[in-house]
Amino acid sequence: MCLFSFCTKLSAQENLLFTSHRHNQLFINPAHSGSNPYMEIAMGYHKQWTGIEGAPKSAILSAHAPLNNTQVGIGAMLYSNKIGILNETGFFANYAYKINLAENRVLSLGIQGGLVNKTVRWSEVTTYDPNFNGDDPSIPNMNVSSITPNFGLGAYYKTSKLHLGFSAPRLLQNVYPHEEGFGKSVNFEFKDIYFYLSSGLLININHEIQAAPSLLLFSSMNSTTNYSFNLNFSHTNGISAGGSFRSEKYWAINMGYEFDSKLGISYSYENSLDKLKRGDHTSHEIFINYKISLKKSSYTSPRFF
């Protein structure tokens, strides 16, 4: 039983990918911090493959805002990810500098830094051998945890109808620990850095309905290219709905509602077209976000950017 090898292979799971990646932009690209004229606080929870024991469960809490009368945006996020006996918790702070271009275009350059805590809970390992007495050198008799740093960079270009982003949010590889301690389980391999490329449009269907197609690509030199395509529609009354399709034949539908351009809630249901391999295991996701105006003047809340 190669559990240590299993932990190493799952290190790619640290690249949290929620079903609706538009709600997870702060994790993907630090340059997104402060990109809108208000503070935004978001909470999200994703439960994957309902019914499978030890399936991934992810949660994130984030906030970002521009600093008044400056070209600076700041942000912070706290996230957790649990897969079987593997637990990951991270905290990151973001900084972005905005360069104003002609015709209300903005180019933001961002950096982030933080700490990642990874734990292997060997105490939760379940064996099905009635003769097993716990005396196995391949299975430690205690939980193992480590805290390691990580850093990221990004660029974000935005107009009133278009956004483009390019980032490497994790320049180091935080692997699951073999021993207790600070900085014991961090590596740097350029070929293992995940790069993200994101794009999106805002299209006016009529004076009440907008469409927002978006595409996210991410890959490292040692992995295949992953993608996630989203198409969402919003109405001026606050109702939104859409769908997405991502790597490995996963499809999803989502719906949401925004109250007075301030409080928004959305739900996503995900399943796979390849049920022969994966079975009929669904995934569920919910996001709640709240927008706080930083100026006395009113603003129009963008539904997607």
Protein backbone atom coordinates (compact mmCIF):
# COMPACT_ATOMS: atom_id res chain seq x y z
CA MET A 1 0.00 0.00 0.00
CA CYS A 2 1.79 3.15 -1.24
CA LEU A 3 0.06 5.80 0.82
CA PHE A 4 2.98 8.22 0.68
CA SER A 5 2.96 7.99 -3.12
CA PHE A 6 -0.79 8.56 -3.01
CA CYS A 7 -0.28 11.78 -1.01
CA THR A 8 2.31 13.04 -3.47
CA LYS A 9 0.06 12.47 -6.47
CA LEU A 10 -2.75 14.37 -4.81
CA SER A 11 -0.61 17.47 -4.33
CA ALA A 12 -2.11 18.85 -7.55
CA GLN A 13 -5.43 19.08 -5.69
CA GLU A 14 -4.10 22.24 -4.02
CA ASN A 15 -5.15 24.01 -7.24
CA LEU A 16 -8.69 24.53 -5.99
CA LEU A 17 -11.10 24.73 -8.89
CA PHE A 18 -14.67 25.54 -8.01
CA THR A 19 -17.40 24.74 -10.51
CA SER A 20 -18.01 28.42 -11.23
CA HIS A 21 -14.50 29.84 -11.50
CA ARG A 22 -15.80 33.44 -11.70
CA HIS A 23 -16.39 33.25 -7.95
CA ASN A 24 -12.84 32.06 -7.31
CA GLN A 25 -10.79 34.69 -9.15
CA LEU A 26 -8.96 35.94 -6.08
CA PHE A 27 -7.47 32.46 -5.53
CA ILE A 28 -6.51 32.16 -9.18
CA ASN A 29 -5.04 35.63 -9.75
CA PRO A 30 -3.77 38.10 -7.11
CA ALA A 31 -4.01 40.94 -9.66
CA HIS A 32 -7.80 40.68 -9.41
CA SER A 33 -7.61 42.33 -5.97
CA GLY A 34 -9.43 45.67 -5.88
CA SER A 35 -10.47 45.43 -9.53
CA ASN A 36 -13.99 46.75 -8.78
CA PRO A 37 -15.01 50.05 -7.12
CA TYR A 38 -16.31 48.35 -3.98
CA MET A 39 -15.29 45.86 -1.31
CA GLU A 40 -16.43 42.32 -1.97
CA ILE A 41 -16.62 39.56 0.62
CA ALA A 42 -17.26 36.01 -0.64
CA MET A 43 -17.79 32.62 0.97
CA GLY A 44 -17.93 29.36 -0.94
CA TYR A 45 -18.31 25.65 -0.26
CA HIS A 46 -17.85 22.79 -2.73
CA LYS A 47 -18.68 19.13 -2.02
CA GLN A 48 -17.47 16.81 -4.75
CA TRP A 49 -18.72 13.32 -5.62
CA THR A 50 -21.55 13.06 -3.11
CA GLY A 51 -21.80 9.57 -1.67
CA ILE A 52 -18.10 8.68 -1.96
CA GLU A 53 -16.29 8.39 1.36
CA GLY A 54 -13.31 10.71 1.56
CA ALA A 55 -14.31 12.74 -1.52
CA PRO A 56 -12.93 16.30 -1.76
CA LYS A 57 -14.59 19.07 0.26
CA SER A 58 -13.41 22.66 -0.22
CA ALA A 59 -14.29 25.97 1.39
CA ILE A 60 -13.02 29.52 0.88
CA LEU A 61 -13.52 32.92 2.51
CA SER A 62 -12.11 35.94 0.68
CA ALA A 63 -12.29 39.73 0.66
CA HIS A 64 -10.76 42.39 -1.56
CA ALA A 65 -11.12 46.11 -2.19
CA PRO A 66 -9.41 49.10 -3.79
CA LEU A 67 -7.75 51.63 -1.50
CA ASN A 68 -9.53 54.99 -1.88
CA ASN A 69 -7.81 57.59 -4.04
CA THR A 70 -4.93 55.24 -4.89
CA GLN A 71 -4.08 52.77 -7.60
CA VAL A 72 -3.69 49.96 -5.10
CA GLY A 73 -5.93 46.98 -4.45
CA ILE A 74 -5.62 44.62 -1.50
CA GLY A 75 -7.15 41.27 -0.66
CA ALA A 76 -6.97 38.27 1.63
CA MET A 77 -8.32 34.73 1.63
CA LEU A 78 -8.58 31.72 3.88
CA TYR A 79 -9.32 28.31 2.38
CA SER A 80 -9.48 24.66 3.36
CA ASN A 81 -9.44 21.46 1.34
CA LYS A 82 -10.04 17.94 2.68
CA ILE A 83 -9.53 14.73 0.69
CA GLY A 84 -9.78 11.56 2.73
CA ILE A 85 -7.07 11.71 5.42
CA LEU A 86 -5.42 14.71 3.72
CA ASN A 87 -6.17 18.20 5.05
CA GLU A 88 -4.94 21.51 3.67
CA THR A 89 -5.54 25.01 5.06
CA GLY A 90 -4.06 28.18 3.60
CA PHE A 91 -4.03 31.92 4.25
CA PHE A 92 -2.84 34.43 1.65
CA ALA A 93 -2.63 38.23 1.44
CA ASN A 94 -2.79 39.92 -1.97
CA TYR A 95 -1.51 43.23 -3.32
CA ALA A 96 -2.27 44.69 -6.76
CA TYR A 97 -1.14 47.86 -8.48
CA LYS A 98 -3.42 49.28 -11.18
CA ILE A 99 -2.18 51.14 -14.26
CA ASN A 100 -4.88 53.27 -15.88
CA LEU A 101 -4.81 53.15 -19.67
CA ALA A 102 -6.77 55.04 -22.31
CA GLU A 103 -10.53 54.54 -22.77
CA ASN A 104 -11.17 53.27 -19.21
CA ARG A 105 -8.91 50.27 -19.61
CA VAL A 106 -6.94 49.04 -16.61
CA LEU A 107 -3.91 46.78 -16.30
CA SER A 108 -3.28 45.35 -12.83
CA LEU A 109 -0.13 43.62 -11.61
CA GLY A 110 -0.45 41.54 -8.47
CA ILE A 111 1.53 39.56 -5.93
CA GLN A 112 0.47 37.35 -3.06
CA GLY A 113 2.12 35.53 -0.20
CA GLY A 114 0.97 33.26 2.56
CA LEU A 115 1.26 30.06 4.54
CA VAL A 116 -0.07 26.59 3.84
CA ASN A 117 -0.70 24.00 6.54
CA LYS A 118 -0.91 20.39 5.33
CA THR A 119 -1.84 17.50 7.58
CA VAL A 120 -1.99 13.76 7.04
CA ARG A 121 -4.40 12.28 9.60
CA TRP A 122 -3.08 8.75 9.87
CA SER A 123 -5.32 8.23 12.90
CA GLU A 124 -8.30 8.22 10.54
CA VAL A 125 -7.00 5.38 8.35
CA THR A 126 -9.48 2.52 8.25
CA THR A 127 -8.26 -1.01 7.55
CA TYR A 128 -10.38 -3.96 6.51
CA ASP A 129 -8.02 -6.71 7.66
CA PRO A 130 -9.37 -8.22 10.92
CA ASN A 131 -5.85 -9.46 11.73
CA PHE A 132 -4.23 -6.02 11.42
CA ASN A 133 -2.84 -4.88 14.80
CA GLY A 134 -1.57 -1.45 13.74
CA ASP A 135 2.05 -2.62 13.53
CA ASP A 136 2.92 -1.55 9.98
CA PRO A 137 6.03 0.60 9.33
CA SER A 138 4.39 2.09 6.22
CA ILE A 139 1.60 3.63 8.33
CA PRO A 140 2.76 6.12 11.00
CA ASN A 141 1.05 5.86 14.36
CA MET A 142 0.39 9.61 14.60
CA ASN A 143 -0.84 12.52 12.50
CA VAL A 144 1.82 14.53 10.63
CA SER A 145 1.55 18.24 9.89
CA SER A 146 3.71 20.94 8.31
CA ILE A 147 3.48 24.69 7.64
CA THR A 148 5.18 26.06 4.55
CA PRO A 149 5.22 29.39 2.68
CA ASN A 150 4.11 30.08 -0.86
CA PHE A 151 3.94 33.02 -3.24
CA GLY A 152 2.20 33.97 -6.47
CA LEU A 153 2.19 36.52 -9.31
CA GLY A 154 -0.44 37.69 -11.77
CA ALA A 155 -1.56 40.24 -14.35
CA TYR A 156 -5.14 41.30 -15.06
CA TYR A 157 -6.41 43.44 -17.96
CA LYS A 158 -9.94 44.82 -17.81
CA THR A 159 -12.29 46.96 -19.86
CA SER A 160 -16.04 47.49 -19.49
CA LYS A 161 -16.70 44.47 -21.75
CA LEU A 162 -13.61 42.28 -21.55
CA HIS A 163 -11.17 40.84 -19.06
CA LEU A 164 -7.96 38.84 -19.52
CA GLY A 165 -5.77 37.35 -16.84
CA PHE A 166 -2.50 35.45 -16.60
CA SER A 167 -1.09 34.16 -13.34
CA ALA A 168 1.00 31.66 -11.43
CA PRO A 169 -0.67 31.76 -8.00
CA ARG A 170 1.59 29.07 -6.45
CA LEU A 171 5.26 29.36 -7.33
CA LEU A 172 6.26 26.66 -4.84
CA GLN A 173 4.94 23.13 -4.42
CA ASN A 174 3.51 22.43 -0.95
CA VAL A 175 3.55 18.63 -0.72
CA TYR A 176 2.06 16.51 2.02
CA PRO A 177 4.55 15.95 4.86
CA HIS A 178 6.53 12.87 5.76
CA GLU A 179 7.65 14.46 9.03
CA GLU A 180 6.56 17.19 11.44
CA GLY A 181 7.94 20.70 11.17
CA PHE A 182 8.04 24.13 9.53
CA GLY A 183 9.27 24.25 5.95
CA LYS A 184 9.83 20.49 5.75
CA SER A 185 7.53 19.89 2.77
CA VAL A 186 8.06 22.60 0.19
CA ASN A 187 9.78 22.30 -3.18
CA PHE A 188 10.52 24.47 -6.19
CA GLU A 189 10.31 22.88 -9.60
CA PHE A 190 9.59 25.22 -12.51
CA LYS A 191 8.00 22.38 -14.49
CA ASP A 192 5.45 21.85 -11.69
CA ILE A 193 4.23 25.47 -11.51
CA TYR A 194 0.62 25.80 -12.64
CA PHE A 195 -0.06 28.74 -14.96
CA TYR A 196 -3.59 30.11 -15.40
CA LEU A 197 -5.01 31.95 -18.39
CA SER A 198 -8.49 33.42 -18.00
CA SER A 199 -10.72 35.45 -20.30
CA GLY A 200 -14.27 36.70 -20.34
CA LEU A 201 -16.72 38.90 -22.21
CA LEU A 202 -19.81 40.85 -21.22
CA ILE A 203 -22.41 40.96 -24.01
CA ASN A 204 -25.64 42.96 -23.93
CA ILE A 205 -28.43 40.79 -25.36
CA ASN A 206 -30.93 43.60 -24.83
CA HIS A 207 -31.49 46.35 -22.26
CA GLU A 208 -32.40 43.76 -19.59
CA ILE A 209 -30.28 40.66 -20.25
CA GLN A 210 -26.51 40.23 -20.36
CA ALA A 211 -24.48 37.18 -21.38
CA ALA A 212 -21.06 36.44 -19.93
CA PRO A 213 -19.00 33.68 -21.58
CA SER A 214 -15.67 32.95 -19.85
CA LEU A 215 -12.84 30.48 -20.28
CA LEU A 216 -10.16 29.30 -17.84
CA LEU A 217 -7.10 27.31 -18.93
CA PHE A 218 -4.48 26.02 -16.51
CA SER A 219 -1.56 23.66 -16.78
CA SER A 220 2.00 22.93 -15.76
CA MET A 221 4.79 21.63 -17.99
CA ASN A 222 4.36 18.23 -16.31
CA SER A 223 0.60 17.98 -16.77
CA THR A 224 -2.06 18.10 -19.43
CA THR A 225 -3.97 21.32 -20.08
CA ASN A 226 -7.17 21.65 -18.07
CA TYR A 227 -10.05 23.92 -19.07
CA SER A 228 -13.32 25.25 -17.73
CA PHE A 229 -15.86 27.06 -19.91
CA ASN A 230 -18.71 29.02 -18.33
CA LEU A 231 -21.69 30.73 -19.95
CA ASN A 232 -23.96 32.76 -17.70
CA PHE A 233 -26.93 35.03 -18.27
CA SER A 234 -28.17 37.73 -15.92
CA HIS A 235 -31.32 39.84 -15.80
CA THR A 236 -31.61 43.34 -14.40
CA ASN A 237 -34.00 42.01 -11.74
CA GLY A 238 -31.05 40.10 -10.18
CA ILE A 239 -31.74 36.60 -11.49
CA SER A 240 -28.85 34.72 -13.14
CA ALA A 241 -28.50 31.25 -14.65
CA GLY A 242 -26.06 29.37 -16.82
CA GLY A 243 -23.91 26.33 -17.32
CA SER A 244 -20.34 25.15 -17.62
CA PHE A 245 -18.25 22.35 -19.06
CA ARG A 246 -14.77 21.43 -17.90
CA SER A 247 -12.00 18.89 -18.32
CA GLU A 248 -12.79 15.18 -18.02
CA LYS A 249 -16.35 15.67 -19.33
CA TYR A 250 -17.83 17.40 -16.28
CA TRP A 251 -20.90 19.55 -16.89
CA ALA A 252 -22.75 21.87 -14.53
CA ILE A 253 -25.76 24.15 -14.27
CA ASN A 254 -25.99 27.10 -11.93
CA MET A 255 -28.50 29.67 -10.77
CA GLY A 256 -28.31 32.69 -8.55
CA TYR A 257 -29.98 35.81 -7.28
CA GLU A 258 -28.60 39.22 -6.29
CA PHE A 259 -30.51 41.38 -3.81
CA ASP A 260 -30.31 45.15 -4.48
CA SER A 261 -26.90 44.75 -6.17
CA LYS A 262 -25.41 43.98 -2.75
CA LEU A 263 -26.02 40.46 -1.48
CA GLY A 264 -25.75 37.57 -3.92
CA ILE A 265 -26.18 33.83 -3.61
CA SER A 266 -25.57 31.15 -6.22
CA TYR A 267 -25.81 27.36 -6.42
CA SER A 268 -24.14 24.95 -8.87
CA TYR A 269 -24.92 21.31 -9.62
CA GLU A 270 -22.22 19.27 -11.36
CA ASN A 271 -22.13 15.78 -12.86
CA SER A 272 -20.12 13.82 -15.41
CA LEU A 273 -20.92 12.65 -18.92
CA ASP A 274 -18.57 9.70 -18.37
CA LYS A 275 -20.70 7.78 -15.86
CA LEU A 276 -19.25 4.41 -16.92
CA LYS A 277 -15.93 5.42 -15.31
CA ARG A 278 -17.12 7.67 -12.49
CA GLY A 279 -20.61 6.47 -11.69
CA ASP A 280 -23.53 8.77 -10.99
CA HIS A 281 -21.79 10.91 -8.37
CA THR A 282 -22.86 14.55 -8.23
CA SER A 283 -21.11 17.62 -6.87
CA HIS A 284 -22.71 20.64 -5.21
CA GLU A 285 -21.46 24.17 -4.68
CA ILE A 286 -22.79 27.31 -3.04
CA PHE A 287 -21.38 30.84 -2.98
CA ILE A 288 -22.51 33.88 -1.03
CA ASN A 289 -21.00 37.29 -1.76
CA TYR A 290 -21.61 40.75 -0.36
CA LYS A 291 -20.58 44.08 -1.90
CA ILE A 292 -19.90 47.18 0.19
CA SER A 293 -19.79 50.59 -1.48
CA LEU A 294 -16.68 52.56 -0.58
CA LYS A 295 -18.10 55.88 -1.77
CA LYS A 296 -21.28 57.78 -1.10
CA SER A 297 -22.12 57.82 -4.78
CA SER A 298 -24.09 54.91 -6.20
CA TYR A 299 -22.58 52.34 -8.50
CA THR A 300 -23.78 49.71 -10.90
CA SER A 301 -22.83 46.22 -9.82
CA PRO A 302 -21.21 44.22 -12.62
CA ARG A 303 -22.79 40.77 -12.65
CA PHE A 304 -19.69 38.89 -13.72
CA PHE A 305 -16.51 40.98 -13.69
